Amino acid sequence: MATAAGAGPSQSVAESRRRLLGDGLAIASYALPVGLVYGLATREANFSLLDVVVSCVVVLAGGAQFAAAGLVKEGTPWLAIAGVTALVNARHLLYSAALTPYMATRSRRERAVMAHCLTDETFALSLAHFRRIHGFDARGYWIAALVILIPWTLGSAIGYLAAGAVDINKLALDVAFPAAMAGLSLGMVSGRRDVAAALGAVAVAVLVGLVAGGSVGLVAGAVVGPFIGLMVPVKPAESDGSASSAGADALGPEGIVEDAAERAAEEGLP
């Protein structure tokens, strides 16, 4: 295990893994039902079951997958879909920067494989785990990855198969996903930047959605909202006191994402 510098006493790896698994199971409890909604939504986009499973395993990015399904349903060109999903997933560049101090000594091949499974939840869980033990733990990272990959893929497949037995038009899927995401996001709002990002995302999503459609509005809100949050000054009380750990807490987007993710993982939230 490669050690990263940090302040304060570290937990044992076994103890931290148990906490990681508990937090991960809490997240898995919502990944499966949201996957069900995604599986239902793919029916409207005329996906096959293979398309659904491959998108979960190869793409493994819930927001981008929902956006792609909505855009496919509306007949959007594939080049435009690729561009939109790339923008939605751009935040992973910040996630990677925050994890770099812990993974710098790992091989490129190992980091590439791990990068494929880097989701919002995996980032939050693994970063909190690494900071508790003041180092890198490959098994802990894969626990954080699998508690999302397995229920998300399983839920999506079940949702797709169930869609053949229900009337999708009566399920109001255009409302179901935004409502689910809004509910899950409430626990993440803990500072002025979080509030600004959330309100900005909603405002942009509504305005763009009225002009270009609901799917495009959701994507626009997801992309623009975080930048609105970054424009809000941070009060001293809202900053993270552990800014010296591993050199990853320097002022900037990386530190902001790291702080938010650790708070979420500490509370067992996505």
C-alpha atoms as a PDB file:
ATOM      1  CA  MET A   1       0.000   0.000   0.000  1.00  0.00           C
ATOM      2  CA  ALA A   2       1.458   3.335  -1.043  1.00  0.00           C
ATOM      3  CA  THR A   3       1.293   5.893   1.723  1.00  0.00           C
ATOM      4  CA  ALA A   4       0.213   9.477   1.159  1.00  0.00           C
ATOM      5  CA  ALA A   5       0.973  12.253   3.585  1.00  0.00           C
ATOM      6  CA  GLY A   6      -1.921  13.357   5.750  1.00  0.00           C
ATOM      7  CA  ALA A   7      -2.841  14.885   9.066  1.00  0.00           C
ATOM      8  CA  GLY A   8      -4.398  13.067  11.993  1.00  0.00           C
ATOM      9  CA  PRO A   9      -4.426   9.385  12.987  1.00  0.00           C
ATOM     10  CA  SER A  10      -5.271   6.797  10.346  1.00  0.00           C
ATOM     11  CA  GLN A  11      -7.758   3.958  10.738  1.00  0.00           C
ATOM     12  CA  SER A  12      -6.737   0.355  10.147  1.00  0.00           C
ATOM     13  CA  VAL A  13      -7.332  -0.821   6.596  1.00  0.00           C
ATOM     14  CA  ALA A  14      -9.761  -3.528   7.728  1.00  0.00           C
ATOM     15  CA  GLU A  15     -11.785  -1.093   9.834  1.00  0.00           C
ATOM     16  CA  SER A  16     -11.936   1.454   7.030  1.00  0.00           C
ATOM     17  CA  ARG A  17     -12.984  -1.227   4.537  1.00  0.00           C
ATOM     18  CA  ARG A  18     -15.883  -2.220   6.782  1.00  0.00           C
ATOM     19  CA  ARG A  19     -17.003   1.393   6.905  1.00  0.00           C
ATOM     20  CA  LEU A  20     -16.543   1.668   3.136  1.00  0.00           C
ATOM     21  CA  LEU A  21     -18.687  -1.412   2.570  1.00  0.00           C
ATOM     22  CA  GLY A  22     -21.442  -0.096   4.837  1.00  0.00           C
ATOM     23  CA  ASP A  23     -21.501   3.247   3.028  1.00  0.00           C
ATOM     24  CA  GLY A  24     -21.376   1.447  -0.301  1.00  0.00           C
ATOM     25  CA  LEU A  25     -24.365  -0.767   0.489  1.00  0.00           C
ATOM     26  CA  ALA A  26     -26.367   2.342   1.362  1.00  0.00           C
ATOM     27  CA  ILE A  27     -25.550   3.743  -2.078  1.00  0.00           C
ATOM     28  CA  ALA A  28     -26.286   0.409  -3.769  1.00  0.00           C
ATOM     29  CA  SER A  29     -29.792   0.533  -2.300  1.00  0.00           C
ATOM     30  CA  TYR A  30     -30.602   3.449  -4.584  1.00  0.00           C
ATOM     31  CA  ALA A  31     -28.432   2.435  -7.569  1.00  0.00           C
ATOM     32  CA  LEU A  32     -30.660  -0.554  -8.282  1.00  0.00           C
ATOM     33  CA  PRO A  33     -34.024   1.304  -8.385  1.00  0.00           C
ATOM     34  CA  VAL A  34     -32.554   4.169 -10.414  1.00  0.00           C
ATOM     35  CA  GLY A  35     -31.188   1.510 -12.752  1.00  0.00           C
ATOM     36  CA  LEU A  36     -34.732   0.194 -13.083  1.00  0.00           C
ATOM     37  CA  VAL A  37     -35.825   3.631 -14.290  1.00  0.00           C
ATOM     38  CA  TYR A  38     -32.964   3.716 -16.794  1.00  0.00           C
ATOM     39  CA  GLY A  39     -33.915   0.284 -18.105  1.00  0.00           C
ATOM     40  CA  LEU A  40     -37.497   1.434 -18.597  1.00  0.00           C
ATOM     41  CA  ALA A  41     -36.322   4.599 -20.339  1.00  0.00           C
ATOM     42  CA  THR A  42     -34.209   2.651 -22.825  1.00  0.00           C
ATOM     43  CA  ARG A  43     -37.331   0.909 -24.124  1.00  0.00           C
ATOM     44  CA  GLU A  44     -38.585   4.260 -25.405  1.00  0.00           C
ATOM     45  CA  ALA A  45     -35.254   4.748 -27.196  1.00  0.00           C
ATOM     46  CA  ASN A  46     -35.621   1.308 -28.840  1.00  0.00           C
ATOM     47  CA  PHE A  47     -32.515  -0.129 -27.179  1.00  0.00           C
ATOM     48  CA  SER A  48     -31.985  -3.893 -27.118  1.00  0.00           C
ATOM     49  CA  LEU A  49     -31.198  -5.732 -23.879  1.00  0.00           C
ATOM     50  CA  LEU A  50     -27.616  -6.075 -25.119  1.00  0.00           C
ATOM     51  CA  ASP A  51     -27.452  -2.298 -25.673  1.00  0.00           C
ATOM     52  CA  VAL A  52     -28.588  -1.722 -22.097  1.00  0.00           C
ATOM     53  CA  VAL A  53     -26.087  -4.096 -20.509  1.00  0.00           C
ATOM     54  CA  VAL A  54     -23.193  -2.902 -22.679  1.00  0.00           C
ATOM     55  CA  SER A  55     -23.976   0.743 -21.880  1.00  0.00           C
ATOM     56  CA  CYS A  56     -23.866  -0.052 -18.150  1.00  0.00           C
ATOM     57  CA  VAL A  57     -20.589  -1.980 -18.341  1.00  0.00           C
ATOM     58  CA  VAL A  58     -18.768   0.076 -20.986  1.00  0.00           C
ATOM     59  CA  VAL A  59     -20.117   3.571 -20.301  1.00  0.00           C
ATOM     60  CA  LEU A  60     -20.953   3.188 -16.584  1.00  0.00           C
ATOM     61  CA  ALA A  61     -22.061   6.790 -16.131  1.00  0.00           C
ATOM     62  CA  GLY A  62     -25.675   7.201 -15.064  1.00  0.00           C
ATOM     63  CA  GLY A  63     -26.150  10.834 -16.049  1.00  0.00           C
ATOM     64  CA  ALA A  64     -24.541  10.343 -19.455  1.00  0.00           C
ATOM     65  CA  GLN A  65     -26.527   7.155 -20.055  1.00  0.00           C
ATOM     66  CA  PHE A  66     -29.836   8.856 -19.284  1.00  0.00           C
ATOM     67  CA  ALA A  67     -28.895  11.812 -21.471  1.00  0.00           C
ATOM     68  CA  ALA A  68     -27.886   9.514 -24.338  1.00  0.00           C
ATOM     69  CA  ALA A  69     -31.120   7.506 -24.090  1.00  0.00           C
ATOM     70  CA  GLY A  70     -33.187  10.693 -24.224  1.00  0.00           C
ATOM     71  CA  LEU A  71     -31.233  12.074 -27.171  1.00  0.00           C
ATOM     72  CA  VAL A  72     -31.447   8.770 -29.064  1.00  0.00           C
ATOM     73  CA  LYS A  73     -35.212   8.776 -28.549  1.00  0.00           C
ATOM     74  CA  GLU A  74     -35.381  12.275 -30.076  1.00  0.00           C
ATOM     75  CA  GLY A  75     -33.308  11.216 -33.100  1.00  0.00           C
ATOM     76  CA  THR A  76     -30.269  13.354 -32.246  1.00  0.00           C
ATOM     77  CA  PRO A  77     -27.182  12.716 -34.459  1.00  0.00           C
ATOM     78  CA  TRP A  78     -24.590  10.428 -32.883  1.00  0.00           C
ATOM     79  CA  LEU A  79     -21.827  13.022 -33.074  1.00  0.00           C
ATOM     80  CA  ALA A  80     -23.936  15.431 -31.032  1.00  0.00           C
ATOM     81  CA  ILE A  81     -24.733  12.684 -28.508  1.00  0.00           C
ATOM     82  CA  ALA A  82     -21.012  11.928 -28.117  1.00  0.00           C
ATOM     83  CA  GLY A  83     -20.266  15.620 -27.540  1.00  0.00           C
ATOM     84  CA  VAL A  84     -23.005  16.060 -24.946  1.00  0.00           C
ATOM     85  CA  THR A  85     -22.069  12.950 -22.973  1.00  0.00           C
ATOM     86  CA  ALA A  86     -18.407  14.004 -23.030  1.00  0.00           C
ATOM     87  CA  LEU A  87     -19.364  17.320 -21.449  1.00  0.00           C
ATOM     88  CA  VAL A  88     -21.494  15.595 -18.824  1.00  0.00           C
ATOM     89  CA  ASN A  89     -18.557  13.375 -17.885  1.00  0.00           C
ATOM     90  CA  ALA A  90     -15.935  16.153 -17.897  1.00  0.00           C
ATOM     91  CA  ARG A  91     -16.109  16.294 -14.089  1.00  0.00           C
ATOM     92  CA  HIS A  92     -14.159  13.034 -14.000  1.00  0.00           C
ATOM     93  CA  LEU A  93     -11.047  15.020 -14.890  1.00  0.00           C
ATOM     94  CA  LEU A  94     -11.354  16.691 -11.490  1.00  0.00           C
ATOM     95  CA  TYR A  95     -11.980  13.364  -9.774  1.00  0.00           C
ATOM     96  CA  SER A  96      -8.817  11.945 -11.325  1.00  0.00           C
ATOM     97  CA  ALA A  97      -6.782  14.939 -10.193  1.00  0.00           C
ATOM     98  CA  ALA A  98      -7.973  14.497  -6.600  1.00  0.00           C
ATOM     99  CA  LEU A  99      -7.051  10.783  -6.590  1.00  0.00           C
ATOM    100  CA  THR A 100      -3.656  11.239  -8.254  1.00  0.00           C
ATOM    101  CA  PRO A 101      -1.627  11.621  -5.006  1.00  0.00           C
ATOM    102  CA  TYR A 102      -2.806   8.192  -3.875  1.00  0.00           C
ATOM    103  CA  MET A 103      -2.349   6.387  -7.212  1.00  0.00           C
ATOM    104  CA  ALA A 104       0.804   8.040  -8.536  1.00  0.00           C
ATOM    105  CA  THR A 105       2.943   4.944  -7.903  1.00  0.00           C
ATOM    106  CA  ARG A 106       0.558   2.494  -9.586  1.00  0.00           C
ATOM    107  CA  SER A 107       1.162   1.247 -13.130  1.00  0.00           C
ATOM    108  CA  ARG A 108      -0.506   2.959 -16.076  1.00  0.00           C
ATOM    109  CA  ARG A 109      -2.389  -0.222 -16.905  1.00  0.00           C
ATOM    110  CA  GLU A 110      -3.832  -0.486 -13.408  1.00  0.00           C
ATOM    111  CA  ARG A 111      -4.807   3.179 -13.347  1.00  0.00           C
ATOM    112  CA  ALA A 112      -6.454   2.870 -16.775  1.00  0.00           C
ATOM    113  CA  VAL A 113      -8.611  -0.039 -15.613  1.00  0.00           C
ATOM    114  CA  MET A 114      -9.555   1.787 -12.438  1.00  0.00           C
ATOM    115  CA  ALA A 115     -10.349   4.952 -14.394  1.00  0.00           C
ATOM    116  CA  HIS A 116     -12.935   3.045 -16.399  1.00  0.00           C
ATOM    117  CA  CYS A 117     -14.886   2.304 -13.200  1.00  0.00           C
ATOM    118  CA  LEU A 118     -14.575   5.822 -11.770  1.00  0.00           C
ATOM    119  CA  THR A 119     -18.079   7.102 -11.037  1.00  0.00           C
ATOM    120  CA  ASP A 120     -19.328   9.848  -8.717  1.00  0.00           C
ATOM    121  CA  GLU A 121     -20.055   7.320  -5.996  1.00  0.00           C
ATOM    122  CA  THR A 122     -16.847   5.328  -6.468  1.00  0.00           C
ATOM    123  CA  PHE A 123     -14.838   8.531  -6.243  1.00  0.00           C
ATOM    124  CA  ALA A 124     -16.561   9.671  -3.055  1.00  0.00           C
ATOM    125  CA  LEU A 125     -16.258   6.297  -1.323  1.00  0.00           C
ATOM    126  CA  SER A 126     -12.671   5.538  -2.329  1.00  0.00           C
ATOM    127  CA  LEU A 127     -11.351   9.030  -1.605  1.00  0.00           C
ATOM    128  CA  ALA A 128     -12.792   8.987   1.906  1.00  0.00           C
ATOM    129  CA  HIS A 129     -11.308   5.497   2.411  1.00  0.00           C
ATOM    130  CA  PHE A 130      -7.846   6.553   1.195  1.00  0.00           C
ATOM    131  CA  ARG A 131      -7.866   9.597   3.436  1.00  0.00           C
ATOM    132  CA  ARG A 132      -8.872   7.555   6.472  1.00  0.00           C
ATOM    133  CA  ILE A 133      -5.962   5.138   5.979  1.00  0.00           C
ATOM    134  CA  HIS A 134      -3.591   7.788   4.583  1.00  0.00           C
ATOM    135  CA  GLY A 135      -2.740   5.681   1.563  1.00  0.00           C
ATOM    136  CA  PHE A 136      -3.912   3.629  -1.408  1.00  0.00           C
ATOM    137  CA  ASP A 137      -5.837   0.367  -1.122  1.00  0.00           C
ATOM    138  CA  ALA A 138      -6.696  -1.465  -4.344  1.00  0.00           C
ATOM    139  CA  ARG A 139      -9.217  -3.790  -2.696  1.00  0.00           C
ATOM    140  CA  GLY A 140     -10.990  -0.829  -1.142  1.00  0.00           C
ATOM    141  CA  TYR A 141     -11.221   0.889  -4.533  1.00  0.00           C
ATOM    142  CA  TRP A 142     -12.784  -2.163  -6.149  1.00  0.00           C
ATOM    143  CA  ILE A 143     -15.282  -2.506  -3.334  1.00  0.00           C
ATOM    144  CA  ALA A 144     -16.305   1.096  -4.029  1.00  0.00           C
ATOM    145  CA  ALA A 145     -16.577   0.350  -7.753  1.00  0.00           C
ATOM    146  CA  LEU A 146     -18.516  -2.921  -7.554  1.00  0.00           C
ATOM    147  CA  VAL A 147     -21.175  -1.666  -5.135  1.00  0.00           C
ATOM    148  CA  ILE A 148     -22.250   0.613  -7.998  1.00  0.00           C
ATOM    149  CA  LEU A 149     -21.504  -1.472 -11.102  1.00  0.00           C
ATOM    150  CA  ILE A 150     -23.403  -4.579  -9.997  1.00  0.00           C
ATOM    151  CA  PRO A 151     -26.722  -3.086  -8.782  1.00  0.00           C
ATOM    152  CA  TRP A 152     -26.750  -0.471 -11.553  1.00  0.00           C
ATOM    153  CA  THR A 153     -26.330  -3.078 -14.312  1.00  0.00           C
ATOM    154  CA  LEU A 154     -28.725  -5.538 -12.674  1.00  0.00           C
ATOM    155  CA  GLY A 155     -31.381  -2.887 -12.092  1.00  0.00           C
ATOM    156  CA  SER A 156     -31.111  -1.606 -15.660  1.00  0.00           C
ATOM    157  CA  ALA A 157     -31.529  -5.095 -17.121  1.00  0.00           C
ATOM    158  CA  ILE A 158     -34.528  -5.850 -14.890  1.00  0.00           C
ATOM    159  CA  GLY A 159     -36.093  -2.499 -15.771  1.00  0.00           C
ATOM    160  CA  TYR A 160     -35.701  -3.190 -19.469  1.00  0.00           C
ATOM    161  CA  LEU A 161     -37.269  -6.627 -19.205  1.00  0.00           C
ATOM    162  CA  ALA A 162     -40.103  -5.338 -17.005  1.00  0.00           C
ATOM    163  CA  ALA A 163     -40.891  -2.598 -19.499  1.00  0.00           C
ATOM    164  CA  GLY A 164     -42.261  -5.217 -21.877  1.00  0.00           C
ATOM    165  CA  ALA A 165     -44.999  -6.046 -19.374  1.00  0.00           C
ATOM    166  CA  VAL A 166     -46.105  -2.509 -18.484  1.00  0.00           C
ATOM    167  CA  ASP A 167     -47.425   0.535 -20.295  1.00  0.00           C
ATOM    168  CA  ILE A 168     -44.375   2.852 -20.363  1.00  0.00           C
ATOM    169  CA  ASN A 169     -46.473   5.851 -21.398  1.00  0.00           C
ATOM    170  CA  LYS A 170     -48.248   5.759 -18.033  1.00  0.00           C
ATOM    171  CA  LEU A 171     -45.034   5.843 -15.996  1.00  0.00           C
ATOM    172  CA  ALA A 172     -44.087   9.499 -16.614  1.00  0.00           C
ATOM    173  CA  LEU A 173     -40.402   8.645 -17.082  1.00  0.00           C
ATOM    174  CA  ASP A 174     -39.585  12.223 -18.108  1.00  0.00           C
ATOM    175  CA  VAL A 175     -40.429  13.203 -14.534  1.00  0.00           C
ATOM    176  CA  ALA A 176     -39.234  10.118 -12.666  1.00  0.00           C
ATOM    177  CA  PHE A 177     -35.515  10.506 -13.243  1.00  0.00           C
ATOM    178  CA  PRO A 178     -35.239  14.242 -12.495  1.00  0.00           C
ATOM    179  CA  ALA A 179     -37.350  13.723  -9.367  1.00  0.00           C
ATOM    180  CA  ALA A 180     -35.141  10.851  -8.187  1.00  0.00           C
ATOM    181  CA  MET A 181     -31.951  12.817  -8.779  1.00  0.00           C
ATOM    182  CA  ALA A 182     -33.362  15.872  -7.013  1.00  0.00           C
ATOM    183  CA  GLY A 183     -34.222  13.829  -3.941  1.00  0.00           C
ATOM    184  CA  LEU A 184     -30.806  12.173  -3.813  1.00  0.00           C
ATOM    185  CA  SER A 185     -29.050  15.518  -4.237  1.00  0.00           C
ATOM    186  CA  LEU A 186     -30.684  17.203  -1.236  1.00  0.00           C
ATOM    187  CA  GLY A 187     -28.336  15.528   1.209  1.00  0.00           C
ATOM    188  CA  MET A 188     -25.325  16.831  -0.714  1.00  0.00           C
ATOM    189  CA  VAL A 189     -26.224  20.514  -0.295  1.00  0.00           C
ATOM    190  CA  SER A 190     -24.249  21.867   2.644  1.00  0.00           C
ATOM    191  CA  GLY A 191     -22.755  25.219   1.612  1.00  0.00           C
ATOM    192  CA  ARG A 192     -23.307  28.336  -0.466  1.00  0.00           C
ATOM    193  CA  ARG A 193     -21.583  26.830  -3.486  1.00  0.00           C
ATOM    194  CA  ASP A 194     -23.753  23.717  -3.321  1.00  0.00           C
ATOM    195  CA  VAL A 195     -26.913  25.811  -3.149  1.00  0.00           C
ATOM    196  CA  ALA A 196     -25.784  28.052  -6.019  1.00  0.00           C
ATOM    197  CA  ALA A 197     -24.884  25.048  -8.172  1.00  0.00           C
ATOM    198  CA  ALA A 198     -28.219  23.342  -7.474  1.00  0.00           C
ATOM    199  CA  LEU A 199     -30.335  26.439  -8.118  1.00  0.00           C
ATOM    200  CA  GLY A 200     -28.289  27.359 -11.190  1.00  0.00           C
ATOM    201  CA  ALA A 201     -28.674  23.871 -12.622  1.00  0.00           C
ATOM    202  CA  VAL A 202     -32.446  23.948 -12.106  1.00  0.00           C
ATOM    203  CA  ALA A 203     -32.771  27.402 -13.693  1.00  0.00           C
ATOM    204  CA  VAL A 204     -30.694  26.437 -16.718  1.00  0.00           C
ATOM    205  CA  ALA A 205     -32.484  23.105 -17.119  1.00  0.00           C
ATOM    206  CA  VAL A 206     -35.907  24.759 -17.081  1.00  0.00           C
ATOM    207  CA  LEU A 207     -35.005  27.575 -19.483  1.00  0.00           C
ATOM    208  CA  VAL A 208     -33.165  25.358 -21.962  1.00  0.00           C
ATOM    209  CA  GLY A 209     -35.789  22.642 -21.623  1.00  0.00           C
ATOM    210  CA  LEU A 210     -38.580  25.022 -22.636  1.00  0.00           C
ATOM    211  CA  VAL A 211     -36.708  25.831 -25.830  1.00  0.00           C
ATOM    212  CA  ALA A 212     -34.882  22.643 -26.778  1.00  0.00           C
ATOM    213  CA  GLY A 213     -36.674  19.850 -24.930  1.00  0.00           C
ATOM    214  CA  GLY A 214     -36.435  18.169 -21.552  1.00  0.00           C
ATOM    215  CA  SER A 215     -33.428  15.939 -22.257  1.00  0.00           C
ATOM    216  CA  VAL A 216     -31.315  18.788 -23.570  1.00  0.00           C
ATOM    217  CA  GLY A 217     -32.385  20.939 -20.610  1.00  0.00           C
ATOM    218  CA  LEU A 218     -31.267  18.311 -18.084  1.00  0.00           C
ATOM    219  CA  VAL A 219     -27.883  17.991 -19.763  1.00  0.00           C
ATOM    220  CA  ALA A 220     -27.420  21.761 -19.916  1.00  0.00           C
ATOM    221  CA  GLY A 221     -28.263  22.098 -16.229  1.00  0.00           C
ATOM    222  CA  ALA A 222     -25.842  19.323 -15.277  1.00  0.00           C
ATOM    223  CA  VAL A 223     -23.020  20.953 -17.236  1.00  0.00           C
ATOM    224  CA  VAL A 224     -23.568  24.605 -16.278  1.00  0.00           C
ATOM    225  CA  GLY A 225     -24.660  24.176 -12.636  1.00  0.00           C
ATOM    226  CA  PRO A 226     -21.231  23.229 -11.213  1.00  0.00           C
ATOM    227  CA  PHE A 227     -19.585  26.226 -12.888  1.00  0.00           C
ATOM    228  CA  ILE A 228     -22.156  28.531 -11.320  1.00  0.00           C
ATOM    229  CA  GLY A 229     -21.278  27.048  -7.934  1.00  0.00           C
ATOM    230  CA  LEU A 230     -17.560  27.616  -8.517  1.00  0.00           C
ATOM    231  CA  MET A 231     -18.209  31.333  -9.055  1.00  0.00           C
ATOM    232  CA  VAL A 232     -19.500  31.750  -5.478  1.00  0.00           C
ATOM    233  CA  PRO A 233     -16.820  32.713  -2.904  1.00  0.00           C
ATOM    234  CA  VAL A 234     -16.270  30.213  -0.100  1.00  0.00           C
ATOM    235  CA  LYS A 235     -16.516  31.341   3.514  1.00  0.00           C
ATOM    236  CA  PRO A 236     -13.657  30.279   5.801  1.00  0.00           C
ATOM    237  CA  ALA A 237     -16.076  28.133   7.815  1.00  0.00           C
ATOM    238  CA  GLU A 238     -16.999  26.178   4.683  1.00  0.00           C
ATOM    239  CA  SER A 239     -13.432  25.351   3.672  1.00  0.00           C
ATOM    240  CA  ASP A 240     -11.883  22.002   4.551  1.00  0.00           C
ATOM    241  CA  GLY A 241      -9.465  22.094   7.431  1.00  0.00           C
ATOM    242  CA  SER A 242      -7.461  19.204   6.029  1.00  0.00           C
ATOM    243  CA  ALA A 243      -6.120  21.192   3.098  1.00  0.00           C
ATOM    244  CA  SER A 244      -2.608  19.941   3.689  1.00  0.00           C
ATOM    245  CA  SER A 245      -3.287  16.245   3.102  1.00  0.00           C
ATOM    246  CA  ALA A 246      -1.533  14.600   0.151  1.00  0.00           C
ATOM    247  CA  GLY A 247      -1.131  17.924  -1.622  1.00  0.00           C
ATOM    248  CA  ALA A 248      -4.510  17.372  -3.299  1.00  0.00           C
ATOM    249  CA  ASP A 249      -6.411  20.066  -1.464  1.00  0.00           C
ATOM    250  CA  ALA A 250      -4.883  23.089  -3.148  1.00  0.00           C
ATOM    251  CA  LEU A 251      -7.306  25.885  -3.880  1.00  0.00           C
ATOM    252  CA  GLY A 252      -9.224  25.189  -7.042  1.00  0.00           C
ATOM    253  CA  PRO A 253     -11.818  22.792  -8.501  1.00  0.00           C
ATOM    254  CA  GLU A 254      -9.947  19.681  -7.349  1.00  0.00           C
ATOM    255  CA  GLY A 255     -10.158  20.713  -3.700  1.00  0.00           C
ATOM    256  CA  ILE A 256     -13.812  21.652  -4.024  1.00  0.00           C
ATOM    257  CA  VAL A 257     -14.763  18.296  -5.534  1.00  0.00           C
ATOM    258  CA  GLU A 258     -12.663  16.443  -2.954  1.00  0.00           C
ATOM    259  CA  ASP A 259     -14.324  18.232  -0.036  1.00  0.00           C
ATOM    260  CA  ALA A 260     -17.834  17.551  -1.304  1.00  0.00           C
ATOM    261  CA  ALA A 261     -17.086  13.907  -2.012  1.00  0.00           C
ATOM    262  CA  GLU A 262     -15.614  13.257   1.420  1.00  0.00           C
ATOM    263  CA  ARG A 263     -18.606  14.835   3.163  1.00  0.00           C
ATOM    264  CA  ALA A 264     -20.928  12.671   1.095  1.00  0.00           C
ATOM    265  CA  ALA A 265     -19.053   9.442   1.781  1.00  0.00           C
ATOM    266  CA  GLU A 266     -18.766  10.198   5.494  1.00  0.00           C
ATOM    267  CA  GLU A 267     -22.565  10.465   5.670  1.00  0.00           C
ATOM    268  CA  GLY A 268     -23.268   7.440   3.468  1.00  0.00           C
ATOM    269  CA  LEU A 269     -24.671   9.558   0.662  1.00  0.00           C
ATOM    270  CA  PRO A 270     -24.127   9.258  -3.110  1.00  0.00           C
END
